[in-house]
C-alpha atoms as a PDB file:
ATOM      1  CA  MET A   1       0.000   0.000   0.000  1.00  0.00           C
ATOM      2  CA  THR A   2       1.324   3.432  -0.941  1.00  0.00           C
ATOM      3  CA  ASN A   3       1.971   5.843   1.899  1.00  0.00           C
ATOM      4  CA  THR A   4      -0.185   8.896   1.155  1.00  0.00           C
ATOM      5  CA  ASN A   5       1.551  10.997   3.793  1.00  0.00           C
ATOM      6  CA  PRO A   6       5.315  10.413   3.332  1.00  0.00           C
ATOM      7  CA  ILE A   7       8.062  12.147   5.259  1.00  0.00           C
ATOM      8  CA  TRP A   8       9.758  14.414   2.736  1.00  0.00           C
ATOM      9  CA  LYS A   9      13.487  14.923   3.035  1.00  0.00           C
ATOM     10  CA  ILE A  10      15.345  17.393   0.851  1.00  0.00           C
ATOM     11  CA  ALA A  11      19.127  17.308   0.914  1.00  0.00           C
ATOM     12  CA  CYS A  12      22.161  18.606  -0.969  1.00  0.00           C
ATOM     13  CA  ARG A  13      25.400  16.763  -1.728  1.00  0.00           C
ATOM     14  CA  GLY A  14      28.765  18.097  -2.845  1.00  0.00           C
ATOM     15  CA  LEU A  15      30.935  16.489  -5.521  1.00  0.00           C
ATOM     16  CA  ILE A  16      34.576  17.314  -4.802  1.00  0.00           C
ATOM     17  CA  ILE A  17      36.686  15.757  -7.565  1.00  0.00           C
ATOM     18  CA  HIS A  18      40.368  15.979  -8.437  1.00  0.00           C
ATOM     19  CA  GLU A  19      42.413  13.858 -10.831  1.00  0.00           C
ATOM     20  CA  GLY A  20      39.788  11.116 -11.023  1.00  0.00           C
ATOM     21  CA  GLN A  21      39.274  10.925  -7.275  1.00  0.00           C
ATOM     22  CA  LEU A  22      36.084  11.772  -5.442  1.00  0.00           C
ATOM     23  CA  MET A  23      36.175  13.013  -1.857  1.00  0.00           C
ATOM     24  CA  THR A  24      33.886  10.902   0.330  1.00  0.00           C
ATOM     25  CA  VAL A  25      33.094  10.759   4.018  1.00  0.00           C
ATOM     26  CA  LYS A  26      32.127   7.960   6.358  1.00  0.00           C
ATOM     27  CA  LEU A  27      29.581   9.064   8.936  1.00  0.00           C
ATOM     28  CA  ARG A  28      29.782   7.780  12.499  1.00  0.00           C
ATOM     29  CA  SER A  29      26.038   7.062  12.478  1.00  0.00           C
ATOM     30  CA  THR A  30      26.301   4.796   9.391  1.00  0.00           C
ATOM     31  CA  ASP A  31      29.794   3.399   9.559  1.00  0.00           C
ATOM     32  CA  ASP A  32      29.312   0.752   6.854  1.00  0.00           C
ATOM     33  CA  PHE A  33      29.506   2.995   3.749  1.00  0.00           C
ATOM     34  CA  TYR A  34      31.014   6.163   2.323  1.00  0.00           C
ATOM     35  CA  CYS A  35      29.010   9.019   0.865  1.00  0.00           C
ATOM     36  CA  LEU A  36      29.409  12.511  -0.501  1.00  0.00           C
ATOM     37  CA  PRO A  37      29.440  15.375   1.991  1.00  0.00           C
ATOM     38  CA  TRP A  38      25.796  16.284   2.438  1.00  0.00           C
ATOM     39  CA  GLY A  39      23.076  17.648   4.620  1.00  0.00           C
ATOM     40  CA  LYS A  40      19.397  18.389   4.893  1.00  0.00           C
ATOM     41  CA  LEU A  41      17.795  21.619   3.783  1.00  0.00           C
ATOM     42  CA  ASP A  42      16.731  23.902   6.624  1.00  0.00           C
ATOM     43  CA  ALA A  43      13.470  25.850   6.513  1.00  0.00           C
ATOM     44  CA  MET A  44      13.682  29.011   4.393  1.00  0.00           C
ATOM     45  CA  GLU A  45      17.160  28.100   3.119  1.00  0.00           C
ATOM     46  CA  THR A  46      18.170  28.051  -0.536  1.00  0.00           C
ATOM     47  CA  LEU A  47      19.722  24.898  -1.955  1.00  0.00           C
ATOM     48  CA  GLU A  48      23.031  26.679  -2.540  1.00  0.00           C
ATOM     49  CA  ASP A  49      23.063  27.988   1.029  1.00  0.00           C
ATOM     50  CA  CYS A  50      22.338  24.460   2.261  1.00  0.00           C
ATOM     51  CA  ILE A  51      25.309  22.845   0.535  1.00  0.00           C
ATOM     52  CA  ALA A  52      27.616  25.733   1.490  1.00  0.00           C
ATOM     53  CA  ARG A  53      26.541  25.526   5.143  1.00  0.00           C
ATOM     54  CA  GLU A  54      26.753  21.735   5.364  1.00  0.00           C
ATOM     55  CA  ILE A  55      30.198  21.492   3.796  1.00  0.00           C
ATOM     56  CA  TYR A  56      31.504  24.283   5.983  1.00  0.00           C
ATOM     57  CA  GLU A  57      30.007  22.722   9.134  1.00  0.00           C
ATOM     58  CA  GLU A  58      31.399  19.266   8.368  1.00  0.00           C
ATOM     59  CA  LEU A  59      34.745  20.079   6.729  1.00  0.00           C
ATOM     60  CA  ASN A  60      35.527  23.682   7.782  1.00  0.00           C
ATOM     61  CA  VAL A  61      36.094  24.766   4.175  1.00  0.00           C
ATOM     62  CA  GLN A  62      34.013  27.366   2.365  1.00  0.00           C
ATOM     63  CA  PRO A  63      33.059  25.671  -0.941  1.00  0.00           C
ATOM     64  CA  VAL A  64      32.938  27.300  -4.370  1.00  0.00           C
ATOM     65  CA  ILE A  65      29.693  25.963  -5.784  1.00  0.00           C
ATOM     66  CA  TRP A  66      28.725  25.482  -9.414  1.00  0.00           C
ATOM     67  CA  PRO A  67      25.077  25.413 -10.404  1.00  0.00           C
ATOM     68  CA  LEU A  68      23.104  22.222  -9.927  1.00  0.00           C
ATOM     69  CA  LEU A  69      24.778  19.245 -11.589  1.00  0.00           C
ATOM     70  CA  TYR A  70      22.340  16.429 -10.885  1.00  0.00           C
ATOM     71  CA  LEU A  71      19.012  15.735  -9.197  1.00  0.00           C
ATOM     72  CA  HIS A  72      18.093  12.376  -7.696  1.00  0.00           C
ATOM     73  CA  GLN A  73      15.079  11.064  -5.859  1.00  0.00           C
ATOM     74  CA  TRP A  74      14.586   7.844  -4.009  1.00  0.00           C
ATOM     75  CA  LEU A  75      11.824   6.257  -2.026  1.00  0.00           C
ATOM     76  CA  LEU A  76      12.149   4.416   1.243  1.00  0.00           C
ATOM     77  CA  GLU A  77       8.654   2.992   1.188  1.00  0.00           C
ATOM     78  CA  GLN A  78       9.017   0.854   4.317  1.00  0.00           C
ATOM     79  CA  GLN A  79      10.119   3.931   6.256  1.00  0.00           C
ATOM     80  CA  GLY A  80       7.580   6.198   4.561  1.00  0.00           C
ATOM     81  CA  LYS A  81      10.305   8.574   3.320  1.00  0.00           C
ATOM     82  CA  HIS A  82      10.660  10.365   0.009  1.00  0.00           C
ATOM     83  CA  MET A  83      14.166  11.791  -0.520  1.00  0.00           C
ATOM     84  CA  ILE A  84      15.049  14.423  -3.080  1.00  0.00           C
ATOM     85  CA  GLU A  85      18.759  15.194  -3.373  1.00  0.00           C
ATOM     86  CA  PHE A  86      20.495  17.966  -5.272  1.00  0.00           C
ATOM     87  CA  PHE A  87      24.104  17.364  -6.332  1.00  0.00           C
ATOM     88  CA  TYR A  88      26.456  20.318  -6.745  1.00  0.00           C
ATOM     89  CA  LEU A  89      29.975  20.346  -8.149  1.00  0.00           C
ATOM     90  CA  ILE A  90      32.449  21.970  -5.753  1.00  0.00           C
ATOM     91  CA  THR A  91      35.272  23.499  -7.764  1.00  0.00           C
ATOM     92  CA  ASN A  92      37.838  24.547  -5.144  1.00  0.00           C
ATOM     93  CA  TRP A  93      39.138  21.012  -4.607  1.00  0.00           C
ATOM     94  CA  ALA A  94      42.589  22.258  -3.542  1.00  0.00           C
ATOM     95  CA  ASP A  95      41.110  23.765  -0.378  1.00  0.00           C
ATOM     96  CA  PHE A  96      39.985  20.279   0.697  1.00  0.00           C
ATOM     97  CA  ARG A  97      43.416  18.617   0.548  1.00  0.00           C
ATOM     98  CA  HIS A  98      44.136  18.922   4.271  1.00  0.00           C
ATOM     99  CA  VAL A  99      40.830  18.925   6.122  1.00  0.00           C
ATOM    100  CA  ASP A 100      41.090  18.963   9.920  1.00  0.00           C
ATOM    101  CA  LEU A 101      37.809  17.632  11.303  1.00  0.00           C
ATOM    102  CA  SER A 102      38.706  18.830  14.800  1.00  0.00           C
ATOM    103  CA  GLN A 103      38.414  22.409  13.530  1.00  0.00           C
ATOM    104  CA  SER A 104      34.878  22.041  12.144  1.00  0.00           C
ATOM    105  CA  SER A 105      31.687  22.469  14.145  1.00  0.00           C
ATOM    106  CA  HIS A 106      30.259  19.145  12.929  1.00  0.00           C
ATOM    107  CA  GLY A 107      33.451  17.176  12.276  1.00  0.00           C
ATOM    108  CA  PHE A 108      32.460  14.809  15.081  1.00  0.00           C
ATOM    109  CA  GLU A 109      29.787  13.393  12.718  1.00  0.00           C
ATOM    110  CA  ILE A 110      32.500  12.042  10.380  1.00  0.00           C
ATOM    111  CA  SER A 111      34.674   9.063  11.220  1.00  0.00           C
ATOM    112  CA  GLU A 112      36.815   9.148   8.057  1.00  0.00           C
ATOM    113  CA  ILE A 113      37.517  11.103   4.881  1.00  0.00           C
ATOM    114  CA  ARG A 114      38.559   9.056   1.874  1.00  0.00           C
ATOM    115  CA  ARG A 115      39.374   9.931  -1.706  1.00  0.00           C
ATOM    116  CA  VAL A 116      37.886   7.258  -3.942  1.00  0.00           C
ATOM    117  CA  ASP A 117      39.246   6.423  -7.388  1.00  0.00           C
ATOM    118  CA  LEU A 118      36.295   6.737  -9.763  1.00  0.00           C
ATOM    119  CA  ASP A 119      37.769   4.261 -12.238  1.00  0.00           C
ATOM    120  CA  ASP A 120      38.195   1.586  -9.568  1.00  0.00           C
ATOM    121  CA  CYS A 121      35.736   2.268  -6.774  1.00  0.00           C
ATOM    122  CA  ASP A 122      36.671  -0.256  -4.084  1.00  0.00           C
ATOM    123  CA  VAL A 123      34.389   0.990  -1.311  1.00  0.00           C
ATOM    124  CA  ASN A 124      30.685   0.815  -0.559  1.00  0.00           C
ATOM    125  CA  LEU A 125      29.730   4.239  -1.932  1.00  0.00           C
ATOM    126  CA  GLN A 126      26.176   5.446  -1.357  1.00  0.00           C
ATOM    127  CA  PRO A 127      24.131   6.329  -3.225  1.00  0.00           C
ATOM    128  CA  SER A 128      25.569   3.597  -5.418  1.00  0.00           C
ATOM    129  CA  PHE A 129      24.717   5.276  -8.725  1.00  0.00           C
ATOM    130  CA  VAL A 130      27.315   8.011  -8.065  1.00  0.00           C
ATOM    131  CA  ALA A 131      30.290   5.809  -8.965  1.00  0.00           C
ATOM    132  CA  GLN A 132      28.479   4.476 -12.042  1.00  0.00           C
ATOM    133  CA  TYR A 133      27.356   7.940 -13.172  1.00  0.00           C
ATOM    134  CA  MET A 134      30.820   9.446 -12.795  1.00  0.00           C
ATOM    135  CA  HIS A 135      32.946   6.459 -13.856  1.00  0.00           C
ATOM    136  CA  GLY A 136      35.840   7.651 -16.008  1.00  0.00           C
ATOM    137  CA  LYS A 137      34.553  11.228 -16.344  1.00  0.00           C
ATOM    138  CA  THR A 138      36.701  14.271 -15.773  1.00  0.00           C
ATOM    139  CA  VAL A 139      35.422  17.451 -14.157  1.00  0.00           C
ATOM    140  CA  GLU A 140      35.447  19.009 -17.621  1.00  0.00           C
ATOM    141  CA  GLN A 141      33.221  16.227 -18.967  1.00  0.00           C
ATOM    142  CA  LEU A 142      30.801  16.623 -16.050  1.00  0.00           C
ATOM    143  CA  LEU A 143      30.597  20.342 -16.724  1.00  0.00           C
ATOM    144  CA  ALA A 144      30.040  19.697 -20.436  1.00  0.00           C
ATOM    145  CA  MET A 145      27.195  17.322 -19.529  1.00  0.00           C
ATOM    146  CA  TRP A 146      25.708  20.035 -17.324  1.00  0.00           C
ATOM    147  CA  VAL A 147      25.955  22.655 -20.074  1.00  0.00           C
ATOM    148  CA  GLN A 148      24.359  20.232 -22.554  1.00  0.00           C
ATOM    149  CA  SER A 149      21.461  19.531 -20.183  1.00  0.00           C
ATOM    150  CA  VAL A 150      20.856  23.265 -19.691  1.00  0.00           C
ATOM    151  CA  VAL A 151      20.979  23.963 -23.435  1.00  0.00           C
ATOM    152  CA  SER A 152      18.637  21.073 -24.261  1.00  0.00           C
ATOM    153  CA  HIS A 153      15.986  22.324 -21.828  1.00  0.00           C
END
């Protein structure tokens, strides 16, 4: 039976890529997989403000954000949740080379930061489509895909 009153969750994720590697985090609350830095949208907050705030809170780096790169939705029917996630490309990758979680206000939420090779993803990366979607693509190719999607709409 379809839940007619789902719990809606809106979140933003940041793609931080350099030389074929994607920056991922392992959260203490879900220590069995890696994911992109992310967070939930607060009331009356823009999507761009959400991703900027979440990345700063978790990693203590002010991100340079490109326009929306990808939108994904997923349903957790058993839990009655409907997730909508907005993926943004973060272009100042160099600022994320030496993240000190002890200096961030929410660094305690993260147990590990790992750079994952997109051509040979050897970790449980969630959502799982991220590695498949980005496999073998450079930042330039991702941006070209974004430009093409904007032009075609």
